[in-house]
């Protein structure tokens, strides 16, 4: 059986997914070292994986397949940005663009606000400004006297231009 041949029925026969805690447990005995009721999977590079019939599956994608009966069409986004949190209420099937909108932005020297798109430049008369990427182009949305004012405007713009934004 290849990953493409994994059926929903076979998955339900092998594993139980607890949507409230985001884990899989075995309902069959897949090997001599694994018992029925054991938690399935391991962590690698910050994500949970589950092995089934010699193939490795990302647990968040497997959870979607388990709950919906179909594989996700796009990427699975963890709403809270915690890659190990596979509660079903925390994952969603989104496009690459939408997934990138929800990623945490590392704090840079240029960025003084925790909100993506709000920046500070002391040389400006109004030291805060908002700049977002709209349709792949960097777009400037003005300067503001306070950080709060810039963040409020940025949040309004993110909700308008980024349909998958969860801020």
N, C-alpha and C. Protein backbone atom coordinates (compact mmCIF):
# COMPACT_ATOMS: atom_id res chain seq x y z
N UNK A 1 0.85 -1.19 0.00
CA UNK A 1 0.00 0.00 0.00
C UNK A 1 0.89 1.24 0.00
N UNK A 2 0.67 2.13 -0.95
CA UNK A 2 1.41 3.39 -1.00
C UNK A 2 0.59 4.47 -0.29
N UNK A 3 1.21 5.61 0.02
CA UNK A 3 0.44 6.69 0.67
C UNK A 3 -0.80 7.08 -0.12
N UNK A 4 -0.71 7.06 -1.45
CA UNK A 4 -1.87 7.41 -2.29
C UNK A 4 -2.98 6.38 -2.21
N UNK A 5 -2.64 5.17 -1.79
CA UNK A 5 -3.63 4.10 -1.72
C UNK A 5 -4.26 3.97 -0.34
N UNK A 6 -3.81 4.77 0.62
CA UNK A 6 -4.39 4.71 1.96
C UNK A 6 -5.85 5.15 1.88
N UNK A 7 -6.74 4.27 2.31
CA UNK A 7 -8.15 4.62 2.27
C UNK A 7 -8.60 5.10 3.65
N UNK A 8 -9.67 5.84 3.65
CA UNK A 8 -10.24 6.33 4.89
C UNK A 8 -10.66 5.15 5.77
N UNK A 9 -11.26 4.16 5.18
CA UNK A 9 -11.73 2.99 5.92
C UNK A 9 -10.55 2.26 6.60
N UNK A 10 -9.45 2.12 5.87
CA UNK A 10 -8.28 1.44 6.44
C UNK A 10 -7.70 2.26 7.59
N UNK A 11 -7.65 3.57 7.43
CA UNK A 11 -7.16 4.44 8.49
C UNK A 11 -8.00 4.28 9.75
N UNK A 12 -9.32 4.28 9.60
CA UNK A 12 -10.23 4.13 10.74
C UNK A 12 -10.08 2.75 11.40
N UNK A 13 -9.69 1.76 10.62
CA UNK A 13 -9.49 0.41 11.14
C UNK A 13 -8.21 0.31 11.98
N UNK A 14 -7.22 1.14 11.66
CA UNK A 14 -5.91 1.06 12.32
C UNK A 14 -5.72 2.03 13.49
N UNK A 15 -6.24 3.22 13.33
CA UNK A 15 -5.94 4.29 14.30
C UNK A 15 -7.21 4.98 14.78
N UNK A 16 -7.12 5.49 16.01
CA UNK A 16 -8.19 6.33 16.57
C UNK A 16 -7.59 7.71 16.77
N UNK A 17 -8.26 8.72 16.28
CA UNK A 17 -7.82 10.10 16.44
C UNK A 17 -8.69 10.79 17.47
N UNK A 18 -8.07 11.35 18.48
CA UNK A 18 -8.81 12.11 19.49
C UNK A 18 -8.71 13.58 19.12
N UNK A 19 -9.78 14.14 18.57
CA UNK A 19 -9.75 15.52 18.09
C UNK A 19 -9.60 16.54 19.20
N UNK A 20 -9.88 16.16 20.44
CA UNK A 20 -9.78 17.10 21.56
C UNK A 20 -8.36 17.22 22.11
N UNK A 21 -7.53 16.21 21.84
CA UNK A 21 -6.12 16.33 22.28
C UNK A 21 -5.15 16.23 21.11
N UNK A 22 -5.67 15.90 19.93
CA UNK A 22 -4.86 15.93 18.72
C UNK A 22 -3.89 14.78 18.56
N UNK A 23 -4.19 13.61 19.14
CA UNK A 23 -3.27 12.48 19.03
C UNK A 23 -3.95 11.27 18.41
N UNK A 24 -3.13 10.41 17.87
CA UNK A 24 -3.58 9.13 17.32
C UNK A 24 -3.15 8.03 18.27
N UNK A 25 -4.01 7.01 18.44
CA UNK A 25 -3.66 5.80 19.19
C UNK A 25 -3.99 4.60 18.32
N UNK A 26 -3.27 3.51 18.59
CA UNK A 26 -3.46 2.29 17.81
C UNK A 26 -4.68 1.52 18.29
N UNK A 27 -5.48 1.05 17.33
CA UNK A 27 -6.60 0.16 17.67
C UNK A 27 -6.34 -1.24 17.10
N UNK A 28 -5.17 -1.37 16.47
CA UNK A 28 -4.66 -2.68 16.06
C UNK A 28 -3.25 -2.80 16.63
N UNK A 29 -2.68 -3.96 16.55
CA UNK A 29 -1.30 -4.17 16.99
C UNK A 29 -0.42 -4.21 15.73
N UNK A 30 0.20 -3.07 15.36
CA UNK A 30 0.91 -3.02 14.09
C UNK A 30 2.27 -3.75 14.08
N UNK A 31 2.84 -3.94 15.27
CA UNK A 31 4.13 -4.64 15.36
C UNK A 31 4.29 -5.23 16.75
N UNK A 32 5.34 -6.01 16.92
CA UNK A 32 5.59 -6.67 18.21
C UNK A 32 5.89 -5.65 19.31
N UNK A 33 6.46 -4.50 18.95
CA UNK A 33 6.84 -3.49 19.94
C UNK A 33 5.72 -2.52 20.30
N UNK A 34 4.65 -2.54 19.55
CA UNK A 34 3.56 -1.59 19.75
C UNK A 34 2.31 -2.32 20.20
N UNK A 35 1.67 -1.77 21.22
CA UNK A 35 0.45 -2.38 21.76
C UNK A 35 -0.79 -1.57 21.38
N UNK A 36 -1.92 -2.23 21.40
CA UNK A 36 -3.19 -1.54 21.18
C UNK A 36 -3.33 -0.49 22.29
N UNK A 37 -3.71 0.72 21.92
CA UNK A 37 -3.86 1.81 22.88
C UNK A 37 -2.64 2.71 23.00
N UNK A 38 -1.50 2.28 22.44
CA UNK A 38 -0.30 3.13 22.47
C UNK A 38 -0.51 4.35 21.58
N UNK A 39 0.10 5.45 21.98
CA UNK A 39 0.08 6.65 21.15
C UNK A 39 0.93 6.38 19.91
N UNK A 40 0.40 6.71 18.76
CA UNK A 40 1.12 6.49 17.50
C UNK A 40 1.93 7.72 17.15
N UNK A 41 3.10 7.51 16.61
CA UNK A 41 3.87 8.61 16.04
C UNK A 41 5.07 9.05 16.83
N UNK A 42 5.76 10.04 16.26
CA UNK A 42 6.97 10.60 16.82
C UNK A 42 7.09 12.05 16.34
N UNK A 43 8.02 12.77 16.95
CA UNK A 43 8.26 14.17 16.59
C UNK A 43 9.56 14.26 15.80
N UNK A 44 9.52 15.00 14.69
CA UNK A 44 10.71 15.26 13.88
C UNK A 44 10.58 16.65 13.30
N UNK A 45 11.61 17.46 13.46
CA UNK A 45 11.61 18.84 12.95
C UNK A 45 10.40 19.64 13.43
N UNK A 46 9.95 19.39 14.63
CA UNK A 46 8.87 20.16 15.21
C UNK A 46 7.47 19.70 14.85
N UNK A 47 7.33 18.66 14.04
CA UNK A 47 6.02 18.14 13.63
C UNK A 47 5.85 16.70 14.11
N UNK A 48 4.60 16.31 14.36
CA UNK A 48 4.29 14.91 14.65
C UNK A 48 4.16 14.16 13.32
N UNK A 49 4.70 12.95 13.30
CA UNK A 49 4.55 12.04 12.18
C UNK A 49 3.94 10.75 12.69
N UNK A 50 3.21 10.07 11.83
CA UNK A 50 2.65 8.76 12.16
C UNK A 50 3.05 7.82 11.03
N UNK A 51 3.59 6.65 11.41
CA UNK A 51 3.96 5.66 10.43
C UNK A 51 2.86 4.63 10.27
N UNK A 52 2.55 4.32 9.03
CA UNK A 52 1.50 3.34 8.74
C UNK A 52 1.92 2.55 7.51
N UNK A 53 2.06 1.25 7.66
CA UNK A 53 2.46 0.36 6.57
C UNK A 53 3.76 0.79 5.89
N UNK A 54 4.72 1.25 6.70
CA UNK A 54 6.03 1.63 6.16
C UNK A 54 6.11 3.02 5.59
N UNK A 55 5.05 3.80 5.66
CA UNK A 55 5.05 5.17 5.15
C UNK A 55 4.86 6.15 6.30
N UNK A 56 5.47 7.33 6.15
CA UNK A 56 5.37 8.37 7.17
C UNK A 56 4.35 9.42 6.71
N UNK A 57 3.47 9.78 7.62
CA UNK A 57 2.45 10.80 7.34
C UNK A 57 2.57 11.91 8.37
N UNK A 58 2.47 13.15 7.94
CA UNK A 58 2.36 14.25 8.88
C UNK A 58 1.04 14.10 9.62
N UNK A 59 1.09 14.13 10.94
CA UNK A 59 -0.11 13.86 11.74
C UNK A 59 -1.22 14.87 11.48
N UNK A 60 -0.88 16.13 11.22
CA UNK A 60 -1.94 17.12 10.99
C UNK A 60 -2.68 16.84 9.67
N UNK A 61 -1.98 16.35 8.66
CA UNK A 61 -2.64 15.99 7.39
C UNK A 61 -3.47 14.72 7.58
N UNK A 62 -2.93 13.78 8.35
CA UNK A 62 -3.64 12.54 8.64
C UNK A 62 -4.91 12.83 9.45
N UNK A 63 -4.82 13.79 10.38
CA UNK A 63 -5.99 14.18 11.18
C UNK A 63 -7.09 14.74 10.28
N UNK A 64 -6.71 15.55 9.30
CA UNK A 64 -7.69 16.10 8.37
C UNK A 64 -8.37 14.97 7.59
N UNK A 65 -7.56 14.04 7.09
CA UNK A 65 -8.08 12.91 6.33
C UNK A 65 -9.01 12.06 7.21
N UNK A 66 -8.61 11.86 8.46
CA UNK A 66 -9.41 11.07 9.41
C UNK A 66 -10.78 11.71 9.63
N UNK A 67 -10.79 13.01 9.85
CA UNK A 67 -12.04 13.71 10.18
C UNK A 67 -12.92 14.00 8.97
N UNK A 68 -12.31 14.32 7.84
CA UNK A 68 -13.07 14.75 6.66
C UNK A 68 -13.30 13.63 5.64
N UNK A 69 -12.46 12.60 5.70
CA UNK A 69 -12.60 11.52 4.73
C UNK A 69 -11.94 11.79 3.39
N UNK A 70 -11.32 12.95 3.26
CA UNK A 70 -10.57 13.32 2.05
C UNK A 70 -9.28 14.00 2.49
N UNK A 71 -8.26 13.87 1.66
CA UNK A 71 -7.00 14.55 1.96
C UNK A 71 -7.19 16.06 1.78
N UNK A 72 -6.45 16.87 2.51
CA UNK A 72 -6.56 18.32 2.31
C UNK A 72 -6.15 18.69 0.89
N UNK A 73 -6.82 19.68 0.33
CA UNK A 73 -6.50 20.13 -1.03
C UNK A 73 -5.23 20.96 -1.06
N UNK A 74 -4.94 21.64 0.03
CA UNK A 74 -3.81 22.57 0.08
C UNK A 74 -2.90 22.22 1.25
N UNK A 75 -2.45 23.24 1.95
CA UNK A 75 -1.61 23.06 3.13
C UNK A 75 -2.48 23.06 4.37
N UNK A 76 -1.99 22.41 5.42
CA UNK A 76 -2.67 22.47 6.70
C UNK A 76 -1.97 23.54 7.54
N UNK A 77 -2.75 24.49 8.00
CA UNK A 77 -2.27 25.59 8.83
C UNK A 77 -2.64 25.32 10.27
N UNK A 78 -1.68 25.48 11.17
CA UNK A 78 -1.96 25.44 12.61
C UNK A 78 -2.29 26.87 13.02
N UNK A 79 -3.53 27.13 13.36
CA UNK A 79 -4.00 28.49 13.65
C UNK A 79 -3.16 29.18 14.72
N UNK A 80 -2.75 28.42 15.75
CA UNK A 80 -2.00 29.03 16.85
C UNK A 80 -0.49 29.00 16.61
N UNK A 81 -0.06 28.56 15.44
CA UNK A 81 1.35 28.46 15.06
C UNK A 81 2.15 27.46 15.89
N UNK A 82 1.47 26.59 16.62
CA UNK A 82 2.16 25.55 17.38
C UNK A 82 2.04 24.26 16.58
N UNK A 83 3.15 23.86 15.96
CA UNK A 83 3.15 22.74 15.02
C UNK A 83 2.76 21.41 15.65
N UNK A 84 2.90 21.28 16.95
CA UNK A 84 2.56 20.03 17.63
C UNK A 84 1.11 20.01 18.11
N UNK A 85 0.40 21.12 17.97
CA UNK A 85 -0.99 21.21 18.41
C UNK A 85 -1.90 20.76 17.27
N UNK A 86 -2.23 19.47 17.26
CA UNK A 86 -3.05 18.91 16.19
C UNK A 86 -4.51 18.71 16.59
N UNK A 87 -5.00 19.52 17.55
CA UNK A 87 -6.43 19.53 17.84
C UNK A 87 -7.13 19.83 16.52
N UNK A 88 -8.24 19.17 16.24
CA UNK A 88 -8.90 19.42 14.97
C UNK A 88 -9.37 20.87 14.85
N UNK A 89 -9.76 21.48 15.95
CA UNK A 89 -10.21 22.87 15.92
C UNK A 89 -9.06 23.84 15.64
N UNK A 90 -7.81 23.37 15.69
CA UNK A 90 -6.66 24.23 15.48
C UNK A 90 -6.08 24.11 14.07
N UNK A 91 -6.59 23.20 13.26
CA UNK A 91 -6.03 23.04 11.91
C UNK A 91 -7.06 23.43 10.86
N UNK A 92 -6.54 23.92 9.73
CA UNK A 92 -7.42 24.29 8.63
C UNK A 92 -6.69 24.08 7.30
N UNK A 93 -7.44 23.77 6.27
CA UNK A 93 -6.93 23.55 4.93
C UNK A 93 -6.92 24.91 4.23
N UNK A 94 -5.72 25.42 3.94
CA UNK A 94 -5.60 26.76 3.35
C UNK A 94 -4.58 26.76 2.22
N UNK A 95 -4.64 27.79 1.40
CA UNK A 95 -3.66 27.96 0.33
C UNK A 95 -2.31 28.35 0.94
N UNK A 96 -1.27 28.23 0.16
CA UNK A 96 0.08 28.62 0.61
C UNK A 96 0.09 30.08 1.05
N UNK A 97 -0.55 30.93 0.27
CA UNK A 97 -0.60 32.36 0.57
C UNK A 97 -1.24 32.61 1.94
N UNK A 98 -2.37 31.96 2.19
CA UNK A 98 -3.06 32.14 3.46
C UNK A 98 -2.22 31.58 4.61
N UNK A 99 -1.58 30.45 4.40
CA UNK A 99 -0.73 29.85 5.43
C UNK A 99 0.40 30.80 5.80
N UNK A 100 0.99 31.45 4.81
CA UNK A 100 2.09 32.38 5.07
C UNK A 100 1.63 33.61 5.85
N UNK A 101 0.36 33.99 5.69
CA UNK A 101 -0.17 35.14 6.41
C UNK A 101 -0.24 34.87 7.91
N UNK A 102 -0.33 33.62 8.28
CA UNK A 102 -0.48 33.26 9.69
C UNK A 102 0.84 32.90 10.35
N UNK A 103 1.94 32.95 9.62
CA UNK A 103 3.21 32.55 10.23
C UNK A 103 3.73 33.64 11.15
N UNK A 104 4.43 33.23 12.20
CA UNK A 104 5.01 34.24 13.08
C UNK A 104 6.14 34.96 12.36
N UNK A 105 6.19 36.26 12.51
CA UNK A 105 7.23 37.06 11.87
C UNK A 105 8.34 37.31 12.88
N UNK A 106 9.58 36.92 12.55
CA UNK A 106 10.66 37.17 13.51
C UNK A 106 10.89 38.67 13.67
N UNK A 107 11.17 39.07 14.88
CA UNK A 107 11.43 40.47 15.18
C UNK A 107 12.73 40.89 14.51
N UNK A 108 12.69 41.94 13.72
CA UNK A 108 13.91 42.43 13.07
C UNK A 108 14.27 43.78 13.66
N UNK A 109 15.46 44.27 13.31
CA UNK A 109 15.88 45.58 13.81
C UNK A 109 14.95 46.68 13.31
N UNK A 110 14.43 46.50 12.09
CA UNK A 110 13.58 47.50 11.47
C UNK A 110 12.17 47.52 12.07
N UNK A 111 11.74 46.38 12.59
CA UNK A 111 10.37 46.24 13.06
C UNK A 111 10.32 46.40 14.57
N UNK A 112 9.57 47.35 15.05
CA UNK A 112 9.48 47.59 16.49
C UNK A 112 8.16 47.10 17.06
N UNK A 113 7.25 46.67 16.21
CA UNK A 113 5.96 46.18 16.66
C UNK A 113 5.90 44.68 16.45
N UNK A 114 5.15 44.01 17.32
CA UNK A 114 4.97 42.56 17.16
C UNK A 114 3.99 42.26 16.03
N UNK A 115 3.24 43.27 15.57
CA UNK A 115 2.27 43.05 14.49
C UNK A 115 2.97 43.13 13.14
N UNK A 116 2.87 42.07 12.34
CA UNK A 116 3.47 42.10 11.01
C UNK A 116 2.90 43.24 10.18
N UNK A 117 3.79 44.02 9.58
CA UNK A 117 3.37 45.13 8.72
C UNK A 117 3.47 46.49 9.37
N UNK A 118 3.76 46.53 10.69
CA UNK A 118 3.90 47.81 11.39
C UNK A 118 5.39 48.01 11.70
N UNK A 119 5.91 49.16 11.27
CA UNK A 119 7.34 49.44 11.42
C UNK A 119 7.55 50.81 12.05
N UNK A 120 8.76 51.01 12.54
CA UNK A 120 9.11 52.29 13.15
C UNK A 120 10.36 52.82 12.48
N UNK A 121 10.36 54.12 12.21
CA UNK A 121 11.54 54.79 11.67
C UNK A 121 11.59 56.17 12.31
N UNK A 122 12.52 56.34 13.22
CA UNK A 122 12.60 57.56 14.03
C UNK A 122 12.77 58.82 13.19
N UNK A 123 13.36 58.72 11.99
CA UNK A 123 13.62 59.90 11.15
C UNK A 123 12.34 60.50 10.58
N UNK A 124 11.25 59.76 10.58
CA UNK A 124 9.99 60.28 10.04
C UNK A 124 9.33 61.23 11.03
N UNK A 125 8.56 62.19 10.50
CA UNK A 125 7.83 63.13 11.37
C UNK A 125 6.85 62.35 12.24
N UNK A 126 6.14 61.40 11.63
CA UNK A 126 5.29 60.46 12.36
C UNK A 126 6.06 59.14 12.31
N UNK A 127 6.59 58.67 13.45
CA UNK A 127 7.58 57.59 13.44
C UNK A 127 7.07 56.18 13.15
N UNK A 128 5.78 55.98 13.00
CA UNK A 128 5.25 54.63 12.73
C UNK A 128 4.65 54.58 11.35
N UNK A 129 4.86 53.46 10.65
CA UNK A 129 4.25 53.32 9.33
C UNK A 129 3.79 51.87 9.11
N UNK A 130 2.85 51.75 8.14
CA UNK A 130 2.28 50.45 7.81
C UNK A 130 2.64 50.14 6.36
N UNK A 131 3.14 48.93 6.17
CA UNK A 131 3.53 48.47 4.84
C UNK A 131 3.21 46.99 4.73
N UNK A 132 2.43 46.61 3.73
CA UNK A 132 2.03 45.22 3.53
C UNK A 132 2.28 44.81 2.09
N UNK A 133 2.36 43.52 1.88
CA UNK A 133 2.43 42.98 0.52
C UNK A 133 1.00 42.70 0.06
N UNK A 134 0.61 43.35 -1.02
CA UNK A 134 -0.72 43.16 -1.60
C UNK A 134 -0.50 42.66 -3.03
N UNK A 135 -1.01 41.49 -3.34
CA UNK A 135 -0.85 40.86 -4.66
C UNK A 135 0.63 40.81 -5.05
N UNK A 136 1.49 40.51 -4.08
CA UNK A 136 2.91 40.34 -4.35
C UNK A 136 3.71 41.63 -4.42
N UNK A 137 3.07 42.78 -4.23
CA UNK A 137 3.78 44.06 -4.29
C UNK A 137 3.79 44.74 -2.92
N UNK A 138 4.93 45.27 -2.53
CA UNK A 138 5.04 46.00 -1.28
C UNK A 138 4.25 47.30 -1.41
N UNK A 139 3.29 47.50 -0.50
CA UNK A 139 2.41 48.66 -0.56
C UNK A 139 2.49 49.44 0.74
N UNK A 140 2.72 50.75 0.62
CA UNK A 140 2.85 51.65 1.77
C UNK A 140 1.48 52.25 2.07
N UNK A 141 1.09 52.23 3.35
CA UNK A 141 -0.24 52.71 3.74
C UNK A 141 -0.21 53.93 4.66
N UNK A 142 0.90 54.60 4.76
CA UNK A 142 0.95 55.85 5.51
C UNK A 142 1.70 55.78 6.82
N UNK A 143 1.89 56.97 7.38
CA UNK A 143 2.60 57.11 8.66
C UNK A 143 1.61 57.47 9.76
N UNK A 144 2.01 57.18 11.00
CA UNK A 144 1.13 57.38 12.15
C UNK A 144 1.93 57.91 13.32
N UNK A 145 1.26 58.66 14.17
CA UNK A 145 1.91 59.27 15.33
C UNK A 145 2.23 58.28 16.43
N UNK A 146 1.41 57.22 16.55
CA UNK A 146 1.62 56.26 17.63
C UNK A 146 1.63 54.83 17.11
N UNK A 147 2.24 53.96 17.88
CA UNK A 147 2.27 52.54 17.54
C UNK A 147 0.85 51.97 17.52
N UNK A 148 0.04 52.36 18.50
CA UNK A 148 -1.34 51.86 18.60
C UNK A 148 -2.15 52.22 17.36
N UNK A 149 -1.99 53.46 16.90
CA UNK A 149 -2.70 53.94 15.72
C UNK A 149 -2.29 53.12 14.48
N UNK A 150 -0.99 52.88 14.33
CA UNK A 150 -0.48 52.10 13.19
C UNK A 150 -0.97 50.66 13.26
N UNK A 151 -0.95 50.07 14.44
CA UNK A 151 -1.41 48.69 14.59
C UNK A 151 -2.89 48.55 14.30
N UNK A 152 -3.68 49.52 14.72
CA UNK A 152 -5.12 49.50 14.45
C UNK A 152 -5.38 49.55 12.94
N UNK A 153 -4.67 50.45 12.24
CA UNK A 153 -4.83 50.57 10.79
C UNK A 153 -4.35 49.29 10.09
N UNK A 154 -3.25 48.74 10.55
CA UNK A 154 -2.70 47.52 9.96
C UNK A 154 -3.68 46.36 10.12
N UNK A 155 -4.27 46.24 11.28
CA UNK A 155 -5.23 45.17 11.54
C UNK A 155 -6.44 45.31 10.60
N UNK A 156 -6.92 46.52 10.42
CA UNK A 156 -8.03 46.80 9.51
C UNK A 156 -7.66 46.39 8.07
N UNK A 157 -6.45 46.74 7.65
CA UNK A 157 -5.99 46.40 6.30
C UNK A 157 -5.77 44.90 6.12
N UNK A 158 -5.21 44.25 7.13
CA UNK A 158 -4.98 42.80 7.05
C UNK A 158 -6.32 42.06 6.91
N UNK A 159 -7.33 42.51 7.63
CA UNK A 159 -8.65 41.88 7.53
C UNK A 159 -9.27 42.12 6.16
N UNK A 160 -8.98 43.26 5.55
CA UNK A 160 -9.51 43.59 4.24
C UNK A 160 -8.80 42.83 3.13
N UNK A 161 -7.46 42.81 3.16
CA UNK A 161 -6.68 42.26 2.06
C UNK A 161 -6.26 40.80 2.22
N UNK A 162 -6.23 40.29 3.44
CA UNK A 162 -5.77 38.93 3.70
C UNK A 162 -6.94 38.10 4.23
N UNK A 163 -7.67 37.42 3.37
CA UNK A 163 -8.88 36.71 3.80
C UNK A 163 -8.61 35.60 4.84
N UNK A 164 -7.42 35.04 4.87
CA UNK A 164 -7.12 33.98 5.83
C UNK A 164 -6.52 34.49 7.12
N UNK A 165 -6.37 35.78 7.23
CA UNK A 165 -5.76 36.36 8.42
C UNK A 165 -6.57 36.05 9.66
N UNK A 166 -5.91 35.62 10.72
CA UNK A 166 -6.65 35.30 11.95
C UNK A 166 -6.29 36.25 13.08
N UNK A 167 -5.57 37.33 12.78
CA UNK A 167 -5.26 38.32 13.82
C UNK A 167 -6.51 39.06 14.24
